[in-house]
Amino acid sequence: MTAQDSGRVALITGASRGIGYGIAEAFVARGDRVCITGRGEDALKEAVERLGSDRAIAVAGKAHDDAHREAAVERTMEEFGRIDFLVNNAGTNPVFGPVADLDLDVARKVFEINVVSALGFAQRTWKAWQKENGGAIVNIASVAGLSASPFVGAYGVSKAALVNLTLQLAHEFAPAVRVNAIAPAVVKTRFARALYEGREAETAASYPLGRLGAPEDVGGAAAFLTSDQAGWVTGQTLVVDGGLFLNAGVG
């Protein structure tokens, strides 16, 4: 059964699969319409078909390309006439290991995609709709941005910057727009498979809740943060980690 139309619209980046698609599913399930972005046209087309072509459109392109950001916002406004919610999910992690010997060109790429693109999308949705009409933004950060990350150092530093960008935008965009972040631990997606593939049971055993995350776990959190029930919540980072950080205690 199709959910009743909420009248609200979301632009979700990096949403042809994985966490972004899980968020799109959650929004469509509650009646929102969505524009999803990603690099692959075929994957986006398949995602739109699953979400429902009456509820979803797609714009292919690279998040760090400003022309793509402009096109995604313009297409959403042309099709739906509004952008209530922005979810910055597009991200990259092209390198594993510490930052001591990190190629600085790689570092620039990580920040360009994980941080600068999120700011660029936020600026455009703010000017196109949210400044005058309100709304909410959710940035998908990571637990790697909340502590040292020996295996994904560059990624963690970029996600820490995204958490602080969330605070800055929440301050600047208030009271019209609420801005929050979600910091997931390892979620079972193709993007994260290097962190668990071949040893999922062992990895999951380190989580108090006994399993890795699923895209719908983050989808539910994003749906809450963009709902009226979260109307007094802004500038926060919601940790969605299956209890992983509980293991940091003494004993």
C-alpha atoms as a PDB file:
ATOM      1  CA  MET A   1       0.000   0.000   0.000  1.00  0.00           C
ATOM      2  CA  THR A   2       1.379   3.403  -0.981  1.00  0.00           C
ATOM      3  CA  ALA A   3       1.858   5.872   1.850  1.00  0.00           C
ATOM      4  CA  GLN A   4      -0.198   9.047   1.782  1.00  0.00           C
ATOM      5  CA  ASP A   5       1.673  11.948   0.190  1.00  0.00           C
ATOM      6  CA  SER A   6       3.258  14.060   2.921  1.00  0.00           C
ATOM      7  CA  GLY A   7       3.736  16.990   0.576  1.00  0.00           C
ATOM      8  CA  ARG A   8       7.407  17.124   1.528  1.00  0.00           C
ATOM      9  CA  VAL A   9      10.459  16.587  -0.649  1.00  0.00           C
ATOM     10  CA  ALA A  10      13.982  15.384   0.086  1.00  0.00           C
ATOM     11  CA  LEU A  11      17.215  15.559  -1.874  1.00  0.00           C
ATOM     12  CA  ILE A  12      19.427  12.629  -0.870  1.00  0.00           C
ATOM     13  CA  THR A  13      22.962  12.340  -2.194  1.00  0.00           C
ATOM     14  CA  GLY A  14      24.759   9.072  -2.821  1.00  0.00           C
ATOM     15  CA  ALA A  15      21.469   7.195  -2.709  1.00  0.00           C
ATOM     16  CA  SER A  16      21.471   4.599  -5.477  1.00  0.00           C
ATOM     17  CA  ARG A  17      22.348   1.924  -2.920  1.00  0.00           C
ATOM     18  CA  GLY A  18      23.512   1.369   0.649  1.00  0.00           C
ATOM     19  CA  ILE A  19      22.799   3.890   3.397  1.00  0.00           C
ATOM     20  CA  GLY A  20      21.532   6.550   1.014  1.00  0.00           C
ATOM     21  CA  TYR A  21      19.021   4.179  -0.531  1.00  0.00           C
ATOM     22  CA  GLY A  22      17.922   3.034   2.932  1.00  0.00           C
ATOM     23  CA  ILE A  23      17.213   6.659   3.809  1.00  0.00           C
ATOM     24  CA  ALA A  24      15.304   7.183   0.567  1.00  0.00           C
ATOM     25  CA  GLU A  25      13.194   4.109   1.333  1.00  0.00           C
ATOM     26  CA  ALA A  26      12.346   5.429   4.790  1.00  0.00           C
ATOM     27  CA  PHE A  27      11.332   8.826   3.415  1.00  0.00           C
ATOM     28  CA  VAL A  28       9.203   7.379   0.621  1.00  0.00           C
ATOM     29  CA  ALA A  29       7.546   5.006   3.107  1.00  0.00           C
ATOM     30  CA  ARG A  30       6.294   7.968   5.125  1.00  0.00           C
ATOM     31  CA  GLY A  31       5.001   9.741   2.032  1.00  0.00           C
ATOM     32  CA  ASP A  32       7.836  12.016   0.961  1.00  0.00           C
ATOM     33  CA  ARG A  33       8.994  12.443  -2.592  1.00  0.00           C
ATOM     34  CA  VAL A  34      12.718  12.208  -3.216  1.00  0.00           C
ATOM     35  CA  CYS A  35      15.443  13.129  -5.635  1.00  0.00           C
ATOM     36  CA  ILE A  36      18.390  10.764  -5.342  1.00  0.00           C
ATOM     37  CA  THR A  37      21.874  11.322  -6.716  1.00  0.00           C
ATOM     38  CA  GLY A  38      24.827   9.101  -7.491  1.00  0.00           C
ATOM     39  CA  ARG A  39      27.489   8.492 -10.091  1.00  0.00           C
ATOM     40  CA  GLY A  40      25.915   5.567 -11.937  1.00  0.00           C
ATOM     41  CA  GLU A  41      22.904   6.198 -14.150  1.00  0.00           C
ATOM     42  CA  ASP A  42      21.935   2.519 -14.332  1.00  0.00           C
ATOM     43  CA  ALA A  43      22.033   2.067 -10.564  1.00  0.00           C
ATOM     44  CA  LEU A  44      19.980   5.227 -10.098  1.00  0.00           C
ATOM     45  CA  LYS A  45      17.416   4.066 -12.630  1.00  0.00           C
ATOM     46  CA  GLU A  46      17.018   0.756 -10.797  1.00  0.00           C
ATOM     47  CA  ALA A  47      16.687   2.581  -7.469  1.00  0.00           C
ATOM     48  CA  VAL A  48      13.971   4.861  -8.847  1.00  0.00           C
ATOM     49  CA  GLU A  49      12.066   1.843 -10.131  1.00  0.00           C
ATOM     50  CA  ARG A  50      12.187   0.218  -6.691  1.00  0.00           C
ATOM     51  CA  LEU A  51      11.203   3.419  -4.905  1.00  0.00           C
ATOM     52  CA  GLY A  52       8.438   4.189  -7.396  1.00  0.00           C
ATOM     53  CA  SER A  53       8.708   6.551 -10.333  1.00  0.00           C
ATOM     54  CA  ASP A  54       5.733   8.491  -8.963  1.00  0.00           C
ATOM     55  CA  ARG A  55       7.737   9.284  -5.822  1.00  0.00           C
ATOM     56  CA  ALA A  56      11.355   9.412  -6.958  1.00  0.00           C
ATOM     57  CA  ILE A  57      13.580  11.030  -9.556  1.00  0.00           C
ATOM     58  CA  ALA A  58      17.335  10.828 -10.007  1.00  0.00           C
ATOM     59  CA  VAL A  59      20.185  13.029 -11.139  1.00  0.00           C
ATOM     60  CA  ALA A  60      23.501  11.367 -11.992  1.00  0.00           C
ATOM     61  CA  GLY A  61      26.805  13.076 -11.294  1.00  0.00           C
ATOM     62  CA  LYS A  62      29.701  13.511  -8.904  1.00  0.00           C
ATOM     63  CA  ALA A  63      29.008  15.182  -5.575  1.00  0.00           C
ATOM     64  CA  HIS A  64      32.199  17.241  -5.733  1.00  0.00           C
ATOM     65  CA  ASP A  65      31.190  18.721  -9.102  1.00  0.00           C
ATOM     66  CA  ASP A  66      29.434  22.025  -8.508  1.00  0.00           C
ATOM     67  CA  ALA A  67      27.648  21.796 -11.851  1.00  0.00           C
ATOM     68  CA  HIS A  68      26.124  18.510 -10.661  1.00  0.00           C
ATOM     69  CA  ARG A  69      25.043  20.070  -7.373  1.00  0.00           C
ATOM     70  CA  GLU A  70      23.394  22.901  -9.278  1.00  0.00           C
ATOM     71  CA  ALA A  71      21.677  20.464 -11.628  1.00  0.00           C
ATOM     72  CA  ALA A  72      20.385  18.273  -8.787  1.00  0.00           C
ATOM     73  CA  VAL A  73      18.861  21.195  -6.914  1.00  0.00           C
ATOM     74  CA  GLU A  74      17.368  22.733 -10.070  1.00  0.00           C
ATOM     75  CA  ARG A  75      15.898  19.406 -11.206  1.00  0.00           C
ATOM     76  CA  THR A  76      14.312  18.813  -7.801  1.00  0.00           C
ATOM     77  CA  MET A  77      12.790  22.276  -7.766  1.00  0.00           C
ATOM     78  CA  GLU A  78      11.524  21.896 -11.322  1.00  0.00           C
ATOM     79  CA  GLU A  79       9.922  18.513 -10.626  1.00  0.00           C
ATOM     80  CA  PHE A  80       8.601  19.012  -7.100  1.00  0.00           C
ATOM     81  CA  GLY A  81       8.732  22.764  -6.432  1.00  0.00           C
ATOM     82  CA  ARG A  82      10.427  22.481  -3.044  1.00  0.00           C
ATOM     83  CA  ILE A  83      13.288  20.902  -1.079  1.00  0.00           C
ATOM     84  CA  ASP A  84      12.295  20.427   2.542  1.00  0.00           C
ATOM     85  CA  PHE A  85      15.095  18.038   3.443  1.00  0.00           C
ATOM     86  CA  LEU A  86      18.690  17.584   2.370  1.00  0.00           C
ATOM     87  CA  VAL A  87      20.606  14.448   3.301  1.00  0.00           C
ATOM     88  CA  ASN A  88      24.331  14.637   2.586  1.00  0.00           C
ATOM     89  CA  ASN A  89      25.276  10.979   2.297  1.00  0.00           C
ATOM     90  CA  ALA A  90      27.702  10.951  -0.631  1.00  0.00           C
ATOM     91  CA  GLY A  91      31.185  10.096   0.545  1.00  0.00           C
ATOM     92  CA  THR A  92      34.443   8.352  -0.259  1.00  0.00           C
ATOM     93  CA  ASN A  93      37.177   6.421   1.485  1.00  0.00           C
ATOM     94  CA  PRO A  94      39.859   5.651  -1.102  1.00  0.00           C
ATOM     95  CA  VAL A  95      42.659   4.891   1.340  1.00  0.00           C
ATOM     96  CA  PHE A  96      43.120   2.798   4.478  1.00  0.00           C
ATOM     97  CA  GLY A  97      45.737   3.308   7.158  1.00  0.00           C
ATOM     98  CA  PRO A  98      47.246   6.103   9.256  1.00  0.00           C
ATOM     99  CA  VAL A  99      47.627   9.704   8.121  1.00  0.00           C
ATOM    100  CA  ALA A 100      51.373  10.022   8.829  1.00  0.00           C
ATOM    101  CA  ASP A 101      52.267   9.039   5.268  1.00  0.00           C
ATOM    102  CA  LEU A 102      49.013  10.023   3.603  1.00  0.00           C
ATOM    103  CA  ASP A 103      49.302  11.393   0.067  1.00  0.00           C
ATOM    104  CA  LEU A 104      48.056  14.957   0.383  1.00  0.00           C
ATOM    105  CA  ASP A 105      46.325  14.797  -2.982  1.00  0.00           C
ATOM    106  CA  VAL A 106      44.293  11.890  -1.618  1.00  0.00           C
ATOM    107  CA  ALA A 107      43.539  13.918   1.510  1.00  0.00           C
ATOM    108  CA  ARG A 108      42.259  16.761  -0.647  1.00  0.00           C
ATOM    109  CA  LYS A 109      40.003  14.374  -2.573  1.00  0.00           C
ATOM    110  CA  VAL A 110      38.555  12.949   0.643  1.00  0.00           C
ATOM    111  CA  PHE A 111      37.769  16.400   2.005  1.00  0.00           C
ATOM    112  CA  GLU A 112      36.408  17.646  -1.311  1.00  0.00           C
ATOM    113  CA  ILE A 113      33.865  14.824  -1.461  1.00  0.00           C
ATOM    114  CA  ASN A 114      33.097  14.276   2.214  1.00  0.00           C
ATOM    115  CA  VAL A 115      33.045  17.859   3.441  1.00  0.00           C
ATOM    116  CA  VAL A 116      33.108  20.501   0.710  1.00  0.00           C
ATOM    117  CA  SER A 117      30.386  18.800  -1.335  1.00  0.00           C
ATOM    118  CA  ALA A 118      28.125  18.676   1.727  1.00  0.00           C
ATOM    119  CA  LEU A 119      28.631  22.400   2.256  1.00  0.00           C
ATOM    120  CA  GLY A 120      27.974  23.039  -1.423  1.00  0.00           C
ATOM    121  CA  PHE A 121      24.688  21.146  -1.388  1.00  0.00           C
ATOM    122  CA  ALA A 122      23.646  22.888   1.838  1.00  0.00           C
ATOM    123  CA  GLN A 123      24.353  26.308   0.353  1.00  0.00           C
ATOM    124  CA  ARG A 124      22.284  25.532  -2.730  1.00  0.00           C
ATOM    125  CA  THR A 125      19.263  24.057  -0.955  1.00  0.00           C
ATOM    126  CA  TRP A 126      19.340  26.951   1.517  1.00  0.00           C
ATOM    127  CA  LYS A 127      19.183  29.505  -1.275  1.00  0.00           C
ATOM    128  CA  ALA A 128      16.724  27.568  -3.430  1.00  0.00           C
ATOM    129  CA  TRP A 129      14.075  26.874  -0.787  1.00  0.00           C
ATOM    130  CA  GLN A 130      15.011  26.428   2.843  1.00  0.00           C
ATOM    131  CA  LYS A 131      16.017  29.989   3.746  1.00  0.00           C
ATOM    132  CA  GLU A 132      12.509  31.272   3.106  1.00  0.00           C
ATOM    133  CA  ASN A 133      10.514  28.112   3.827  1.00  0.00           C
ATOM    134  CA  GLY A 134      12.391  26.101   6.459  1.00  0.00           C
ATOM    135  CA  GLY A 135      13.341  22.463   6.530  1.00  0.00           C
ATOM    136  CA  ALA A 136      16.049  20.167   7.832  1.00  0.00           C
ATOM    137  CA  ILE A 137      19.482  18.901   6.837  1.00  0.00           C
ATOM    138  CA  VAL A 138      21.073  15.623   7.898  1.00  0.00           C
ATOM    139  CA  ASN A 139      24.762  14.978   7.341  1.00  0.00           C
ATOM    140  CA  ILE A 140      25.913  11.362   7.390  1.00  0.00           C
ATOM    141  CA  ALA A 141      29.108  11.377   9.429  1.00  0.00           C
ATOM    142  CA  SER A 142      30.688   8.340  11.111  1.00  0.00           C
ATOM    143  CA  VAL A 143      31.876   7.066  14.470  1.00  0.00           C
ATOM    144  CA  ALA A 144      35.299   7.334  12.823  1.00  0.00           C
ATOM    145  CA  GLY A 145      34.906  11.092  13.168  1.00  0.00           C
ATOM    146  CA  LEU A 146      34.371  10.879  16.928  1.00  0.00           C
ATOM    147  CA  SER A 147      37.589   9.119  17.914  1.00  0.00           C
ATOM    148  CA  ALA A 148      40.957   8.106  16.520  1.00  0.00           C
ATOM    149  CA  SER A 149      40.630   5.711  13.594  1.00  0.00           C
ATOM    150  CA  PRO A 150      43.792   3.698  12.941  1.00  0.00           C
ATOM    151  CA  PHE A 151      42.434   2.006   9.818  1.00  0.00           C
ATOM    152  CA  VAL A 152      40.515   4.879   8.213  1.00  0.00           C
ATOM    153  CA  GLY A 153      42.411   7.930   9.400  1.00  0.00           C
ATOM    154  CA  ALA A 154      41.726  10.296   6.514  1.00  0.00           C
ATOM    155  CA  TYR A 155      38.074   9.306   6.409  1.00  0.00           C
ATOM    156  CA  GLY A 156      37.767   9.857  10.161  1.00  0.00           C
ATOM    157  CA  VAL A 157      39.324  13.313  10.013  1.00  0.00           C
ATOM    158  CA  SER A 158      36.960  14.302   7.208  1.00  0.00           C
ATOM    159  CA  LYS A 159      33.945  13.048   9.148  1.00  0.00           C
ATOM    160  CA  ALA A 160      35.079  15.005  12.201  1.00  0.00           C
ATOM    161  CA  ALA A 161      35.072  18.077   9.973  1.00  0.00           C
ATOM    162  CA  LEU A 162      31.563  17.161   8.813  1.00  0.00           C
ATOM    163  CA  VAL A 163      30.405  16.989  12.431  1.00  0.00           C
ATOM    164  CA  ASN A 164      31.752  20.480  13.026  1.00  0.00           C
ATOM    165  CA  LEU A 165      30.215  21.704   9.774  1.00  0.00           C
ATOM    166  CA  THR A 166      26.910  20.420  11.144  1.00  0.00           C
ATOM    167  CA  LEU A 167      27.327  22.611  14.215  1.00  0.00           C
ATOM    168  CA  GLN A 168      28.231  25.644  12.140  1.00  0.00           C
ATOM    169  CA  LEU A 169      25.295  25.233   9.759  1.00  0.00           C
ATOM    170  CA  ALA A 170      22.905  24.592  12.642  1.00  0.00           C
ATOM    171  CA  HIS A 171      23.980  27.900  14.167  1.00  0.00           C
ATOM    172  CA  GLU A 172      23.821  29.870  10.921  1.00  0.00           C
ATOM    173  CA  PHE A 173      20.618  28.372   9.505  1.00  0.00           C
ATOM    174  CA  ALA A 174      18.548  28.612  12.700  1.00  0.00           C
ATOM    175  CA  PRO A 175      15.704  29.081  13.248  1.00  0.00           C
ATOM    176  CA  ALA A 176      14.518  28.262   9.730  1.00  0.00           C
ATOM    177  CA  VAL A 177      16.453  25.028   9.224  1.00  0.00           C
ATOM    178  CA  ARG A 178      17.478  22.347  11.667  1.00  0.00           C
ATOM    179  CA  VAL A 179      20.837  20.690  10.931  1.00  0.00           C
ATOM    180  CA  ASN A 180      21.923  17.416  12.519  1.00  0.00           C
ATOM    181  CA  ALA A 181      24.302  14.557  11.794  1.00  0.00           C
ATOM    182  CA  ILE A 182      24.225  10.795  12.138  1.00  0.00           C
ATOM    183  CA  ALA A 183      27.383   8.885  13.044  1.00  0.00           C
ATOM    184  CA  PRO A 184      26.967   5.211  12.151  1.00  0.00           C
ATOM    185  CA  ALA A 185      29.400   2.447  12.981  1.00  0.00           C
ATOM    186  CA  VAL A 186      29.949  -0.300  10.385  1.00  0.00           C
ATOM    187  CA  VAL A 187      26.855  -0.745   8.229  1.00  0.00           C
ATOM    188  CA  LYS A 188      26.624  -3.700   5.860  1.00  0.00           C
ATOM    189  CA  THR A 189      27.028  -1.980   2.508  1.00  0.00           C
ATOM    190  CA  ARG A 190      29.324  -2.385  -0.457  1.00  0.00           C
ATOM    191  CA  PHE A 191      31.052   0.840   0.591  1.00  0.00           C
ATOM    192  CA  ALA A 192      32.058  -0.633   3.974  1.00  0.00           C
ATOM    193  CA  ARG A 193      32.655  -4.261   3.052  1.00  0.00           C
ATOM    194  CA  ALA A 194      36.445  -3.985   3.425  1.00  0.00           C
ATOM    195  CA  LEU A 195      35.801  -3.505   7.149  1.00  0.00           C
ATOM    196  CA  TYR A 196      33.934  -6.779   7.628  1.00  0.00           C
ATOM    197  CA  GLU A 197      34.104  -8.990   4.538  1.00  0.00           C
ATOM    198  CA  GLY A 198      35.264 -12.495   5.387  1.00  0.00           C
ATOM    199  CA  ARG A 199      35.026 -11.847   9.131  1.00  0.00           C
ATOM    200  CA  GLU A 200      31.533 -10.552   9.683  1.00  0.00           C
ATOM    201  CA  ALA A 201      30.774 -12.786  12.663  1.00  0.00           C
ATOM    202  CA  GLU A 202      33.973 -11.744  14.394  1.00  0.00           C
ATOM    203  CA  THR A 203      33.321  -8.077  13.710  1.00  0.00           C
ATOM    204  CA  ALA A 204      29.689  -8.272  14.814  1.00  0.00           C
ATOM    205  CA  ALA A 205      30.722  -9.966  18.064  1.00  0.00           C
ATOM    206  CA  SER A 206      32.392  -6.719  19.160  1.00  0.00           C
ATOM    207  CA  TYR A 207      29.042  -4.925  19.071  1.00  0.00           C
ATOM    208  CA  PRO A 208      26.909  -5.180  22.228  1.00  0.00           C
ATOM    209  CA  LEU A 209      23.783  -5.579  20.090  1.00  0.00           C
ATOM    210  CA  GLY A 210      25.428  -8.499  18.319  1.00  0.00           C
ATOM    211  CA  ARG A 211      25.187  -7.393  14.698  1.00  0.00           C
ATOM    212  CA  LEU A 212      26.425  -4.902  12.182  1.00  0.00           C
ATOM    213  CA  GLY A 213      24.212  -2.074  11.069  1.00  0.00           C
ATOM    214  CA  ALA A 214      21.781  -2.189   8.169  1.00  0.00           C
ATOM    215  CA  PRO A 215      20.856   0.719   5.875  1.00  0.00           C
ATOM    216  CA  GLU A 216      17.375   0.829   7.396  1.00  0.00           C
ATOM    217  CA  ASP A 217      18.911   1.547  10.823  1.00  0.00           C
ATOM    218  CA  VAL A 218      20.301   4.808   9.481  1.00  0.00           C
ATOM    219  CA  GLY A 219      17.142   5.382   7.449  1.00  0.00           C
ATOM    220  CA  GLY A 220      15.056   5.322  10.599  1.00  0.00           C
ATOM    221  CA  ALA A 221      17.368   7.771  12.334  1.00  0.00           C
ATOM    222  CA  ALA A 222      17.279  10.162   9.373  1.00  0.00           C
ATOM    223  CA  ALA A 223      13.492   9.926   9.215  1.00  0.00           C
ATOM    224  CA  PHE A 224      13.297  10.894  12.897  1.00  0.00           C
ATOM    225  CA  LEU A 225      15.700  13.833  12.567  1.00  0.00           C
ATOM    226  CA  THR A 226      13.657  15.245   9.673  1.00  0.00           C
ATOM    227  CA  SER A 227      10.311  14.680  11.383  1.00  0.00           C
ATOM    228  CA  ASP A 228       8.167  17.038  13.395  1.00  0.00           C
ATOM    229  CA  GLN A 229       8.977  14.909  16.451  1.00  0.00           C
ATOM    230  CA  ALA A 230      12.539  16.244  16.226  1.00  0.00           C
ATOM    231  CA  GLY A 231      11.357  19.826  15.917  1.00  0.00           C
ATOM    232  CA  TRP A 232      13.460  20.987  18.877  1.00  0.00           C
ATOM    233  CA  VAL A 233      16.622  19.113  17.896  1.00  0.00           C
ATOM    234  CA  THR A 234      19.427  20.839  16.031  1.00  0.00           C
ATOM    235  CA  GLY A 235      23.223  20.802  16.059  1.00  0.00           C
ATOM    236  CA  GLN A 236      23.328  17.222  17.315  1.00  0.00           C
ATOM    237  CA  THR A 237      25.202  14.128  16.168  1.00  0.00           C
ATOM    238  CA  LEU A 238      23.160  10.988  16.719  1.00  0.00           C
ATOM    239  CA  VAL A 239      25.408   7.957  17.182  1.00  0.00           C
ATOM    240  CA  VAL A 240      23.902   4.833  15.595  1.00  0.00           C
ATOM    241  CA  ASP A 241      26.462   2.182  16.463  1.00  0.00           C
ATOM    242  CA  GLY A 242      24.841  -0.922  17.934  1.00  0.00           C
ATOM    243  CA  GLY A 243      26.423   0.022  21.263  1.00  0.00           C
ATOM    244  CA  LEU A 244      29.999  -0.084  19.946  1.00  0.00           C
ATOM    245  CA  PHE A 245      31.129   2.922  21.965  1.00  0.00           C
ATOM    246  CA  LEU A 246      30.022   1.192  25.158  1.00  0.00           C
ATOM    247  CA  ASN A 247      33.154  -0.906  24.807  1.00  0.00           C
ATOM    248  CA  ALA A 248      35.336   2.154  25.395  1.00  0.00           C
ATOM    249  CA  GLY A 249      34.643   2.076  29.135  1.00  0.00           C
ATOM    250  CA  VAL A 250      36.993   0.886  31.833  1.00  0.00           C
ATOM    251  CA  GLY A 251      36.959  -2.805  32.704  1.00  0.00           C
END
